[in-house]
Amino acid sequence: MALNIKEMQQVQAYLRNLFGTDRINIKAGQGKDSPVEVSVGDEFIGVIYRDFEEGEVSYDFNMSILPEDLPEI
């Protein structure tokens, strides 16, 4: 099940507060049940799924990090 507008606003506010930046934005995905898309500025960083299990709602943030995006150490 996709997030509704109020949930998207709440999750966005939570992430902005948690990470200390207003550059985090979330927007609805392309399809009816698509996850919302998360970006920092113009860079897409992941998706959020809404999960409903045993009467409880949770939000699952999934961020993939590619090896070519990692800095040399």
PDB file of N, CA and C in Angstrom:
ATOM      1  N   MET A   1       0.845  -1.191   0.000  1.00  0.00           N
ATOM      2  CA  MET A   1       0.000   0.000   0.000  1.00  0.00           C
ATOM      3  C   MET A   1       0.885   1.247   0.000  1.00  0.00           C
ATOM      4  N   ALA A   2       0.540   2.211  -0.815  1.00  0.00           N
ATOM      5  CA  ALA A   2       1.315   3.449  -0.937  1.00  0.00           C
ATOM      6  C   ALA A   2       1.002   4.408   0.215  1.00  0.00           C
ATOM      7  N   LEU A   3       1.904   5.325   0.458  1.00  0.00           N
ATOM      8  CA  LEU A   3       1.691   6.338   1.483  1.00  0.00           C
ATOM      9  C   LEU A   3       0.714   7.385   0.963  1.00  0.00           C
ATOM     10  N   ASN A   4      -0.122   7.909   1.863  1.00  0.00           N
ATOM     11  CA  ASN A   4      -0.987   9.016   1.469  1.00  0.00           C
ATOM     12  C   ASN A   4      -0.225  10.331   1.674  1.00  0.00           C
ATOM     13  N   ILE A   5      -0.818  11.435   1.283  1.00  0.00           N
ATOM     14  CA  ILE A   5      -0.131  12.728   1.331  1.00  0.00           C
ATOM     15  C   ILE A   5       0.279  13.102   2.754  1.00  0.00           C
ATOM     16  N   LYS A   6      -0.601  12.894   3.727  1.00  0.00           N
ATOM     17  CA  LYS A   6      -0.261  13.227   5.113  1.00  0.00           C
ATOM     18  C   LYS A   6       0.928  12.393   5.588  1.00  0.00           C
ATOM     19  N   GLU A   7       0.930  11.101   5.276  1.00  0.00           N
ATOM     20  CA  GLU A   7       2.045  10.245   5.681  1.00  0.00           C
ATOM     21  C   GLU A   7       3.346  10.702   5.025  1.00  0.00           C
ATOM     22  N   MET A   8       3.286  11.073   3.749  1.00  0.00           N
ATOM     23  CA  MET A   8       4.490  11.548   3.063  1.00  0.00           C
ATOM     24  C   MET A   8       5.038  12.803   3.741  1.00  0.00           C
ATOM     25  N   GLN A   9       4.154  13.715   4.125  1.00  0.00           N
ATOM     26  CA  GLN A   9       4.588  14.939   4.801  1.00  0.00           C
ATOM     27  C   GLN A   9       5.206  14.620   6.160  1.00  0.00           C
ATOM     28  N   GLN A  10       4.597  13.686   6.888  1.00  0.00           N
ATOM     29  CA  GLN A  10       5.106  13.318   8.205  1.00  0.00           C
ATOM     30  C   GLN A  10       6.471  12.624   8.100  1.00  0.00           C
ATOM     31  N   VAL A  11       6.597  11.696   7.164  1.00  0.00           N
ATOM     32  CA  VAL A  11       7.862  10.980   6.999  1.00  0.00           C
ATOM     33  C   VAL A  11       8.944  11.945   6.523  1.00  0.00           C
ATOM     34  N   GLN A  12       8.621  12.834   5.616  1.00  0.00           N
ATOM     35  CA  GLN A  12       9.597  13.821   5.152  1.00  0.00           C
ATOM     36  C   GLN A  12      10.060  14.696   6.307  1.00  0.00           C
ATOM     37  N   ALA A  13       9.143  15.185   7.130  1.00  0.00           N
ATOM     38  CA  ALA A  13       9.501  16.011   8.290  1.00  0.00           C
ATOM     39  C   ALA A  13      10.385  15.228   9.262  1.00  0.00           C
ATOM     40  N   TYR A  14      10.068  13.962   9.466  1.00  0.00           N
ATOM     41  CA  TYR A  14      10.862  13.112  10.345  1.00  0.00           C
ATOM     42  C   TYR A  14      12.295  12.965   9.819  1.00  0.00           C
ATOM     43  N   LEU A  15      12.435  12.657   8.527  1.00  0.00           N
ATOM     44  CA  LEU A  15      13.767  12.479   7.940  1.00  0.00           C
ATOM     45  C   LEU A  15      14.569  13.779   7.959  1.00  0.00           C
ATOM     46  N   ARG A  16      13.913  14.887   7.664  1.00  0.00           N
ATOM     47  CA  ARG A  16      14.605  16.178   7.692  1.00  0.00           C
ATOM     48  C   ARG A  16      15.127  16.482   9.092  1.00  0.00           C
ATOM     49  N   ASN A  17      14.304  16.213  10.097  1.00  0.00           N
ATOM     50  CA  ASN A  17      14.706  16.445  11.478  1.00  0.00           C
ATOM     51  C   ASN A  17      15.820  15.474  11.887  1.00  0.00           C
ATOM     52  N   LEU A  18      15.670  14.214  11.563  1.00  0.00           N
ATOM     53  CA  LEU A  18      16.636  13.191  11.935  1.00  0.00           C
ATOM     54  C   LEU A  18      18.023  13.474  11.359  1.00  0.00           C
ATOM     55  N   PHE A  19      18.071  13.844  10.066  1.00  0.00           N
ATOM     56  CA  PHE A  19      19.346  14.067   9.394  1.00  0.00           C
ATOM     57  C   PHE A  19      19.780  15.539   9.376  1.00  0.00           C
ATOM     58  N   GLY A  20      18.964  16.424   9.944  1.00  0.00           N
ATOM     59  CA  GLY A  20      19.333  17.827  10.076  1.00  0.00           C
ATOM     60  C   GLY A  20      19.466  18.583   8.776  1.00  0.00           C
ATOM     61  N   THR A  21      18.601  18.282   7.816  1.00  0.00           N
ATOM     62  CA  THR A  21      18.651  19.005   6.534  1.00  0.00           C
ATOM     63  C   THR A  21      17.261  19.111   5.911  1.00  0.00           C
ATOM     64  N   ASP A  22      16.998  20.262   5.338  1.00  0.00           N
ATOM     65  CA  ASP A  22      15.739  20.467   4.613  1.00  0.00           C
ATOM     66  C   ASP A  22      15.867  20.076   3.147  1.00  0.00           C
ATOM     67  N   ARG A  23      17.017  19.528   2.754  1.00  0.00           N
ATOM     68  CA  ARG A  23      17.242  19.119   1.359  1.00  0.00           C
ATOM     69  C   ARG A  23      16.608  17.771   1.048  1.00  0.00           C
ATOM     70  N   ILE A  24      16.113  17.060   2.069  1.00  0.00           N
ATOM     71  CA  ILE A  24      15.468  15.766   1.834  1.00  0.00           C
ATOM     72  C   ILE A  24      14.042  16.008   1.362  1.00  0.00           C
ATOM     73  N   ASN A  25      13.690  15.372   0.246  1.00  0.00           N
ATOM     74  CA  ASN A  25      12.340  15.480  -0.310  1.00  0.00           C
ATOM     75  C   ASN A  25      11.837  14.098  -0.673  1.00  0.00           C
ATOM     76  N   ILE A  26      10.546  13.882  -0.456  1.00  0.00           N
ATOM     77  CA  ILE A  26       9.947  12.641  -0.918  1.00  0.00           C
ATOM     78  C   ILE A  26       8.765  12.985  -1.818  1.00  0.00           C
ATOM     79  N   LYS A  27       8.551  12.125  -2.802  1.00  0.00           N
ATOM     80  CA  LYS A  27       7.436  12.335  -3.727  1.00  0.00           C
ATOM     81  C   LYS A  27       6.836  10.981  -4.076  1.00  0.00           C
ATOM     82  N   ALA A  28       5.597  11.009  -4.510  1.00  0.00           N
ATOM     83  CA  ALA A  28       4.897   9.782  -4.871  1.00  0.00           C
ATOM     84  C   ALA A  28       5.604   9.073  -6.016  1.00  0.00           C
ATOM     85  N   GLY A  29       5.563   7.737  -5.972  1.00  0.00           N
ATOM     86  CA  GLY A  29       6.121   6.939  -7.060  1.00  0.00           C
ATOM     87  C   GLY A  29       5.220   6.983  -8.278  1.00  0.00           C
ATOM     88  N   GLN A  30       5.606   6.280  -9.318  1.00  0.00           N
ATOM     89  CA  GLN A  30       4.896   6.330 -10.594  1.00  0.00           C
ATOM     90  C   GLN A  30       3.558   5.593 -10.587  1.00  0.00           C
ATOM     91  N   GLY A  31       3.480   4.435  -9.938  1.00  0.00           N
ATOM     92  CA  GLY A  31       2.250   3.647  -9.959  1.00  0.00           C
ATOM     93  C   GLY A  31       1.422   3.806  -8.704  1.00  0.00           C
ATOM     94  N   LYS A  32       0.226   3.259  -8.743  1.00  0.00           N
ATOM     95  CA  LYS A  32      -0.712   3.373  -7.617  1.00  0.00           C
ATOM     96  C   LYS A  32      -0.130   2.830  -6.319  1.00  0.00           C
ATOM     97  N   ASP A  33       0.504   1.680  -6.360  1.00  0.00           N
ATOM     98  CA  ASP A  33       1.070   1.071  -5.160  1.00  0.00           C
ATOM     99  C   ASP A  33       2.593   1.166  -5.119  1.00  0.00           C
ATOM    100  N   SER A  34       3.155   2.094  -5.878  1.00  0.00           N
ATOM    101  CA  SER A  34       4.606   2.266  -5.906  1.00  0.00           C
ATOM    102  C   SER A  34       5.088   2.909  -4.613  1.00  0.00           C
ATOM    103  N   PRO A  35       6.331   2.607  -4.239  1.00  0.00           N
ATOM    104  CA  PRO A  35       6.891   3.282  -3.063  1.00  0.00           C
ATOM    105  C   PRO A  35       7.147   4.750  -3.382  1.00  0.00           C
ATOM    106  N   VAL A  36       7.261   5.572  -2.333  1.00  0.00           N
ATOM    107  CA  VAL A  36       7.621   6.974  -2.556  1.00  0.00           C
ATOM    108  C   VAL A  36       9.115   7.059  -2.807  1.00  0.00           C
ATOM    109  N   GLU A  37       9.521   8.071  -3.537  1.00  0.00           N
ATOM    110  CA  GLU A  37      10.919   8.261  -3.891  1.00  0.00           C
ATOM    111  C   GLU A  37      11.540   9.304  -2.972  1.00  0.00           C
ATOM    112  N   VAL A  38      12.757   9.031  -2.522  1.00  0.00           N
ATOM    113  CA  VAL A  38      13.471   9.924  -1.613  1.00  0.00           C
ATOM    114  C   VAL A  38      14.658  10.524  -2.352  1.00  0.00           C
ATOM    115  N   SER A  39      14.825  11.823  -2.214  1.00  0.00           N
ATOM    116  CA  SER A  39      15.981  12.477  -2.821  1.00  0.00           C
ATOM    117  C   SER A  39      16.578  13.478  -1.847  1.00  0.00           C
ATOM    118  N   VAL A  40      17.856  13.758  -2.049  1.00  0.00           N
ATOM    119  CA  VAL A  40      18.547  14.828  -1.337  1.00  0.00           C
ATOM    120  C   VAL A  40      18.967  15.805  -2.420  1.00  0.00           C
ATOM    121  N   GLY A  41      18.348  16.972  -2.389  1.00  0.00           N
ATOM    122  CA  GLY A  41      18.543  17.900  -3.502  1.00  0.00           C
ATOM    123  C   GLY A  41      17.974  17.262  -4.752  1.00  0.00           C
ATOM    124  N   ASP A  42      18.790  17.176  -5.794  1.00  0.00           N
ATOM    125  CA  ASP A  42      18.353  16.564  -7.056  1.00  0.00           C
ATOM    126  C   ASP A  42      18.753  15.099  -7.172  1.00  0.00           C
ATOM    127  N   GLU A  43      19.439  14.559  -6.153  1.00  0.00           N
ATOM    128  CA  GLU A  43      19.944  13.189  -6.248  1.00  0.00           C
ATOM    129  C   GLU A  43      18.993  12.181  -5.601  1.00  0.00           C
ATOM    130  N   PHE A  44      18.498  11.252  -6.403  1.00  0.00           N
ATOM    131  CA  PHE A  44      17.657  10.164  -5.916  1.00  0.00           C
ATOM    132  C   PHE A  44      18.509   9.266  -5.021  1.00  0.00           C
ATOM    133  N   ILE A  45      17.995   8.953  -3.799  1.00  0.00           N
ATOM    134  CA  ILE A  45      18.784   8.105  -2.899  1.00  0.00           C
ATOM    135  C   ILE A  45      18.072   6.826  -2.469  1.00  0.00           C
ATOM    136  N   GLY A  46      16.757   6.726  -2.668  1.00  0.00           N
ATOM    137  CA  GLY A  46      16.087   5.503  -2.244  1.00  0.00           C
ATOM    138  C   GLY A  46      14.578   5.601  -2.311  1.00  0.00           C
ATOM    139  N   VAL A  47      13.945   4.598  -1.711  1.00  0.00           N
ATOM    140  CA  VAL A  47      12.479   4.523  -1.706  1.00  0.00           C
ATOM    141  C   VAL A  47      11.982   4.184  -0.308  1.00  0.00           C
ATOM    142  N   ILE A  48      10.722   4.531  -0.062  1.00  0.00           N
ATOM    143  CA  ILE A  48      10.073   4.197   1.201  1.00  0.00           C
ATOM    144  C   ILE A  48       8.801   3.422   0.891  1.00  0.00           C
ATOM    145  N   TYR A  49       8.662   2.286   1.566  1.00  0.00           N
ATOM    146  CA  TYR A  49       7.473   1.447   1.458  1.00  0.00           C
ATOM    147  C   TYR A  49       6.660   1.570   2.739  1.00  0.00           C
ATOM    148  N   ARG A  50       5.359   1.504   2.610  1.00  0.00           N
ATOM    149  CA  ARG A  50       4.465   1.467   3.766  1.00  0.00           C
ATOM    150  C   ARG A  50       4.143   0.013   4.034  1.00  0.00           C
ATOM    151  N   ASP A  51       4.310  -0.412   5.292  1.00  0.00           N
ATOM    152  CA  ASP A  51       4.042  -1.788   5.677  1.00  0.00           C
ATOM    153  C   ASP A  51       2.950  -1.800   6.742  1.00  0.00           C
ATOM    154  N   PHE A  52       2.001  -2.707   6.585  1.00  0.00           N
ATOM    155  CA  PHE A  52       0.921  -2.857   7.557  1.00  0.00           C
ATOM    156  C   PHE A  52       0.868  -4.323   7.954  1.00  0.00           C
ATOM    157  N   GLU A  53       1.256  -4.603   9.190  1.00  0.00           N
ATOM    158  CA  GLU A  53       1.300  -5.980   9.659  1.00  0.00           C
ATOM    159  C   GLU A  53       0.797  -6.050  11.090  1.00  0.00           C
ATOM    160  N   GLU A  54      -0.102  -6.975  11.336  1.00  0.00           N
ATOM    161  CA  GLU A  54      -0.675  -7.201  12.664  1.00  0.00           C
ATOM    162  C   GLU A  54      -1.243  -5.914  13.270  1.00  0.00           C
ATOM    163  N   GLY A  55      -1.887  -5.109  12.439  1.00  0.00           N
ATOM    164  CA  GLY A  55      -2.531  -3.897  12.909  1.00  0.00           C
ATOM    165  C   GLY A  55      -1.597  -2.714  13.119  1.00  0.00           C
ATOM    166  N   GLU A  56      -0.314  -2.865  12.785  1.00  0.00           N
ATOM    167  CA  GLU A  56       0.673  -1.804  12.980  1.00  0.00           C
ATOM    168  C   GLU A  56       1.203  -1.309  11.634  1.00  0.00           C
ATOM    169  N   VAL A  57       1.375  -0.004  11.517  1.00  0.00           N
ATOM    170  CA  VAL A  57       1.935   0.607  10.313  1.00  0.00           C
ATOM    171  C   VAL A  57       3.401   0.932  10.576  1.00  0.00           C
ATOM    172  N   SER A  58       4.253   0.666   9.605  1.00  0.00           N
ATOM    173  CA  SER A  58       5.653   1.085   9.671  1.00  0.00           C
ATOM    174  C   SER A  58       6.075   1.513   8.272  1.00  0.00           C
ATOM    175  N   TYR A  59       7.193   2.209   8.210  1.00  0.00           N
ATOM    176  CA  TYR A  59       7.710   2.714   6.941  1.00  0.00           C
ATOM    177  C   TYR A  59       9.124   2.180   6.765  1.00  0.00           C
ATOM    178  N   ASP A  60       9.387   1.552   5.639  1.00  0.00           N
ATOM    179  CA  ASP A  60      10.664   0.915   5.364  1.00  0.00           C
ATOM    180  C   ASP A  60      11.428   1.745   4.341  1.00  0.00           C
ATOM    181  N   PHE A  61      12.553   2.329   4.770  1.00  0.00           N
ATOM    182  CA  PHE A  61      13.400   3.133   3.891  1.00  0.00           C
ATOM    183  C   PHE A  61      14.478   2.226   3.327  1.00  0.00           C
ATOM    184  N   ASN A  62      14.560   2.153   2.003  1.00  0.00           N
ATOM    185  CA  ASN A  62      15.526   1.293   1.322  1.00  0.00           C
ATOM    186  C   ASN A  62      16.442   2.169   0.480  1.00  0.00           C
ATOM    187  N   MET A  63      17.740   2.118   0.812  1.00  0.00           N
ATOM    188  CA  MET A  63      18.735   2.909   0.077  1.00  0.00           C
ATOM    189  C   MET A  63      19.820   1.973  -0.419  1.00  0.00           C
ATOM    190  N   SER A  64      20.024   1.941  -1.714  1.00  0.00           N
ATOM    191  CA  SER A  64      21.084   1.131  -2.303  1.00  0.00           C
ATOM    192  C   SER A  64      22.317   1.998  -2.505  1.00  0.00           C
ATOM    193  N   ILE A  65      23.480   1.460  -2.140  1.00  0.00           N
ATOM    194  CA  ILE A  65      24.733   2.167  -2.326  1.00  0.00           C
ATOM    195  C   ILE A  65      25.588   1.336  -3.275  1.00  0.00           C
ATOM    196  N   LEU A  66      25.919   1.912  -4.400  1.00  0.00           N
ATOM    197  CA  LEU A  66      26.704   1.204  -5.411  1.00  0.00           C
ATOM    198  C   LEU A  66      28.197   1.354  -5.123  1.00  0.00           C
ATOM    199  N   PRO A  67      28.989   0.320  -5.391  1.00  0.00           N
ATOM    200  CA  PRO A  67      30.431   0.397  -5.122  1.00  0.00           C
ATOM    201  C   PRO A  67      31.097   1.579  -5.814  1.00  0.00           C
ATOM    202  N   GLU A  68      30.648   1.921  -7.016  1.00  0.00           N
ATOM    203  CA  GLU A  68      31.279   3.043  -7.731  1.00  0.00           C
ATOM    204  C   GLU A  68      30.978   4.403  -7.112  1.00  0.00           C
ATOM    205  N   ASP A  69      29.986   4.455  -6.207  1.00  0.00           N
ATOM    206  CA  ASP A  69      29.674   5.700  -5.515  1.00  0.00           C
ATOM    207  C   ASP A  69      30.499   5.907  -4.239  1.00  0.00           C
ATOM    208  N   LEU A  70      31.191   4.857  -3.809  1.00  0.00           N
ATOM    209  CA  LEU A  70      31.956   4.940  -2.562  1.00  0.00           C
ATOM    210  C   LEU A  70      33.292   5.653  -2.791  1.00  0.00           C
ATOM    211  N   PRO A  71      33.726   6.464  -1.812  1.00  0.00           N
ATOM    212  CA  PRO A  71      35.012   7.151  -1.960  1.00  0.00           C
ATOM    213  C   PRO A  71      36.174   6.186  -1.711  1.00  0.00           C
ATOM    214  N   GLU A  72      37.315   6.532  -2.252  1.00  0.00           N
ATOM    215  CA  GLU A  72      38.539   5.760  -1.986  1.00  0.00           C
ATOM    216  C   GLU A  72      39.005   6.103  -0.578  1.00  0.00           C
ATOM    217  N   ILE A  73      39.443   5.088   0.142  1.00  0.00           N
ATOM    218  CA  ILE A  73      39.959   5.302   1.512  1.00  0.00           C
ATOM    219  C   ILE A  73      41.332   4.682   1.613  1.00  0.00           C
TER     220      ILE A  73
END
